[in-house]
Amino acid sequence: MKTFAIVMGALFVFSACGKKEEAAAGGGMAGGGGDTGAPTCDKYMKTMEACFAKLPEAAQGPAKDAMKQTTEAWKAITDKTALEAACKSAWDAGKQAMGAMCPDVKWE
């Protein structure tokens, strides 16, 4: 669970990093989802959601809530080049921290 906490902390850091405006209300799937305008971010969200589905039920709600907040923040970022770079970093951190917890989820 320690690695889970690290990833969740990283989600909040990445969601705040470079945030230029508040996210619009609504949108996205229950756990995040949706099109951020950055392919790496969308791939990251789908992979993390697949991993979250394999977590204990008690951890799924907070994980999905954090992902939804992150997704909304990412959608609000207008500099998609910077967003891609942030999502690449999130992908690398997620793969390292969550890969062992979700070995059957593809971390390409």
C-alpha atoms as a PDB file:
ATOM      1  CA  MET A   1       0.000   0.000   0.000  1.00  0.00           C
ATOM      2  CA  LYS A   2       3.000   2.306   0.406  1.00  0.00           C
ATOM      3  CA  THR A   3       3.522   2.437  -3.367  1.00  0.00           C
ATOM      4  CA  PHE A   4      -0.176   3.124  -3.817  1.00  0.00           C
ATOM      5  CA  ALA A   5       0.127   6.131  -1.503  1.00  0.00           C
ATOM      6  CA  ILE A   6       3.149   7.371  -3.456  1.00  0.00           C
ATOM      7  CA  VAL A   7       1.277   7.142  -6.758  1.00  0.00           C
ATOM      8  CA  MET A   8      -1.762   8.898  -5.340  1.00  0.00           C
ATOM      9  CA  GLY A   9       0.490  11.676  -4.053  1.00  0.00           C
ATOM     10  CA  ALA A  10       2.076  11.930  -7.484  1.00  0.00           C
ATOM     11  CA  LEU A  11      -1.365  12.238  -9.048  1.00  0.00           C
ATOM     12  CA  PHE A  12      -2.091  15.292  -6.935  1.00  0.00           C
ATOM     13  CA  VAL A  13       1.301  16.824  -7.680  1.00  0.00           C
ATOM     14  CA  PHE A  14       0.893  16.319 -11.429  1.00  0.00           C
ATOM     15  CA  SER A  15      -2.655  17.656 -11.349  1.00  0.00           C
ATOM     16  CA  ALA A  16      -1.494  20.879  -9.720  1.00  0.00           C
ATOM     17  CA  CYS A  17       1.675  21.221 -11.796  1.00  0.00           C
ATOM     18  CA  GLY A  18       1.142  23.747 -14.554  1.00  0.00           C
ATOM     19  CA  LYS A  19      -2.541  24.207 -13.811  1.00  0.00           C
ATOM     20  CA  LYS A  20      -3.520  27.457 -15.484  1.00  0.00           C
ATOM     21  CA  GLU A  21      -7.252  27.540 -14.933  1.00  0.00           C
ATOM     22  CA  GLU A  22      -9.924  25.698 -12.993  1.00  0.00           C
ATOM     23  CA  ALA A  23     -11.446  22.639 -14.605  1.00  0.00           C
ATOM     24  CA  ALA A  24     -14.981  22.846 -15.895  1.00  0.00           C
ATOM     25  CA  ALA A  25     -17.596  20.998 -13.877  1.00  0.00           C
ATOM     26  CA  GLY A  26     -18.614  17.517 -14.990  1.00  0.00           C
ATOM     27  CA  GLY A  27     -17.166  15.395 -17.746  1.00  0.00           C
ATOM     28  CA  GLY A  28     -15.217  12.201 -17.672  1.00  0.00           C
ATOM     29  CA  MET A  29     -15.964   8.753 -16.423  1.00  0.00           C
ATOM     30  CA  ALA A  30     -16.535   7.980 -12.743  1.00  0.00           C
ATOM     31  CA  GLY A  31     -12.828   7.336 -12.223  1.00  0.00           C
ATOM     32  CA  GLY A  32     -11.488   9.959 -14.624  1.00  0.00           C
ATOM     33  CA  GLY A  33     -11.502   9.074 -18.302  1.00  0.00           C
ATOM     34  CA  GLY A  34     -12.245  11.414 -21.134  1.00  0.00           C
ATOM     35  CA  ASP A  35     -10.094  13.130 -23.698  1.00  0.00           C
ATOM     36  CA  THR A  36      -7.487  15.470 -22.264  1.00  0.00           C
ATOM     37  CA  GLY A  37      -6.095  16.428 -25.645  1.00  0.00           C
ATOM     38  CA  ALA A  38      -2.826  14.639 -24.828  1.00  0.00           C
ATOM     39  CA  PRO A  39      -2.563  10.997 -25.976  1.00  0.00           C
ATOM     40  CA  THR A  40      -0.078  10.047 -23.243  1.00  0.00           C
ATOM     41  CA  CYS A  41      -2.471  11.363 -20.588  1.00  0.00           C
ATOM     42  CA  ASP A  42      -5.394   9.423 -22.013  1.00  0.00           C
ATOM     43  CA  LYS A  43      -3.308   6.225 -22.156  1.00  0.00           C
ATOM     44  CA  TYR A  44      -2.167   6.825 -18.579  1.00  0.00           C
ATOM     45  CA  MET A  45      -5.736   7.275 -17.348  1.00  0.00           C
ATOM     46  CA  LYS A  46      -7.003   4.118 -19.054  1.00  0.00           C
ATOM     47  CA  THR A  47      -4.103   2.060 -17.711  1.00  0.00           C
ATOM     48  CA  MET A  48      -4.475   3.405 -14.175  1.00  0.00           C
ATOM     49  CA  GLU A  49      -8.233   2.757 -14.251  1.00  0.00           C
ATOM     50  CA  ALA A  50      -7.554  -0.842 -15.293  1.00  0.00           C
ATOM     51  CA  CYS A  51      -5.132  -1.146 -12.391  1.00  0.00           C
ATOM     52  CA  PHE A  52      -7.537   0.492  -9.923  1.00  0.00           C
ATOM     53  CA  ALA A  53     -10.147  -2.119 -10.819  1.00  0.00           C
ATOM     54  CA  LYS A  54      -7.767  -4.750  -9.422  1.00  0.00           C
ATOM     55  CA  LEU A  55      -7.237  -2.974  -6.090  1.00  0.00           C
ATOM     56  CA  PRO A  56      -9.153  -3.889  -2.943  1.00  0.00           C
ATOM     57  CA  GLU A  57     -12.635  -2.397  -3.042  1.00  0.00           C
ATOM     58  CA  ALA A  58     -11.876   0.002  -0.167  1.00  0.00           C
ATOM     59  CA  ALA A  59      -9.031   1.570  -2.160  1.00  0.00           C
ATOM     60  CA  GLN A  60     -10.915   1.894  -5.453  1.00  0.00           C
ATOM     61  CA  GLY A  61     -13.104   4.851  -4.456  1.00  0.00           C
ATOM     62  CA  PRO A  62     -10.290   7.123  -3.271  1.00  0.00           C
ATOM     63  CA  ALA A  63      -8.138   6.126  -6.249  1.00  0.00           C
ATOM     64  CA  LYS A  64     -10.910   6.910  -8.730  1.00  0.00           C
ATOM     65  CA  ASP A  65     -11.700  10.196  -6.985  1.00  0.00           C
ATOM     66  CA  ALA A  66      -8.051  11.253  -7.205  1.00  0.00           C
ATOM     67  CA  MET A  67      -7.925  10.268 -10.878  1.00  0.00           C
ATOM     68  CA  LYS A  68     -11.076  12.264 -11.612  1.00  0.00           C
ATOM     69  CA  GLN A  69      -9.574  15.367 -10.001  1.00  0.00           C
ATOM     70  CA  THR A  70      -6.351  14.868 -11.923  1.00  0.00           C
ATOM     71  CA  THR A  71      -8.208  14.394 -15.205  1.00  0.00           C
ATOM     72  CA  GLU A  72     -10.246  17.545 -14.711  1.00  0.00           C
ATOM     73  CA  ALA A  73      -7.084  19.521 -13.968  1.00  0.00           C
ATOM     74  CA  TRP A  74      -5.328  18.086 -17.018  1.00  0.00           C
ATOM     75  CA  LYS A  75      -8.268  18.995 -19.263  1.00  0.00           C
ATOM     76  CA  ALA A  76      -7.931  22.604 -18.124  1.00  0.00           C
ATOM     77  CA  ILE A  77      -4.281  22.900 -19.145  1.00  0.00           C
ATOM     78  CA  THR A  78      -4.016  24.691 -22.451  1.00  0.00           C
ATOM     79  CA  ASP A  79      -0.315  24.009 -23.090  1.00  0.00           C
ATOM     80  CA  LYS A  80      -0.646  20.461 -24.442  1.00  0.00           C
ATOM     81  CA  THR A  81       3.114  20.111 -24.971  1.00  0.00           C
ATOM     82  CA  ALA A  82       3.731  20.693 -21.264  1.00  0.00           C
ATOM     83  CA  LEU A  83       0.806  18.419 -20.447  1.00  0.00           C
ATOM     84  CA  GLU A  84       2.305  15.611 -22.564  1.00  0.00           C
ATOM     85  CA  ALA A  85       5.592  15.978 -20.669  1.00  0.00           C
ATOM     86  CA  ALA A  86       3.821  15.883 -17.289  1.00  0.00           C
ATOM     87  CA  CYS A  87       1.838  12.819 -18.328  1.00  0.00           C
ATOM     88  CA  LYS A  88       4.990  11.073 -19.522  1.00  0.00           C
ATOM     89  CA  SER A  89       6.435  11.615 -16.047  1.00  0.00           C
ATOM     90  CA  ALA A  90       3.184  10.381 -14.479  1.00  0.00           C
ATOM     91  CA  TRP A  91       3.272   7.323 -16.766  1.00  0.00           C
ATOM     92  CA  ASP A  92       6.845   6.484 -15.731  1.00  0.00           C
ATOM     93  CA  ALA A  93       6.042   6.923 -12.013  1.00  0.00           C
ATOM     94  CA  GLY A  94       2.805   4.949 -12.318  1.00  0.00           C
ATOM     95  CA  LYS A  95       4.500   2.121 -14.164  1.00  0.00           C
ATOM     96  CA  GLN A  96       7.201   1.869 -11.533  1.00  0.00           C
ATOM     97  CA  ALA A  97       4.897   2.146  -8.514  1.00  0.00           C
ATOM     98  CA  MET A  98       1.810   0.310  -9.740  1.00  0.00           C
ATOM     99  CA  GLY A  99       3.357  -2.192 -12.156  1.00  0.00           C
ATOM    100  CA  ALA A 100       4.032  -4.678  -9.377  1.00  0.00           C
ATOM    101  CA  MET A 101       0.530  -4.242  -7.956  1.00  0.00           C
ATOM    102  CA  CYS A 102      -1.065  -4.780 -11.362  1.00  0.00           C
ATOM    103  CA  PRO A 103       1.266  -7.077 -13.304  1.00  0.00           C
ATOM    104  CA  ASP A 104      -1.460  -8.192 -15.716  1.00  0.00           C
ATOM    105  CA  VAL A 105      -2.189  -4.594 -16.788  1.00  0.00           C
ATOM    106  CA  LYS A 106      -0.206  -3.546 -19.877  1.00  0.00           C
ATOM    107  CA  TRP A 107       2.426  -0.927 -19.034  1.00  0.00           C
ATOM    108  CA  GLU A 108       3.860  -0.421 -22.513  1.00  0.00           C
END
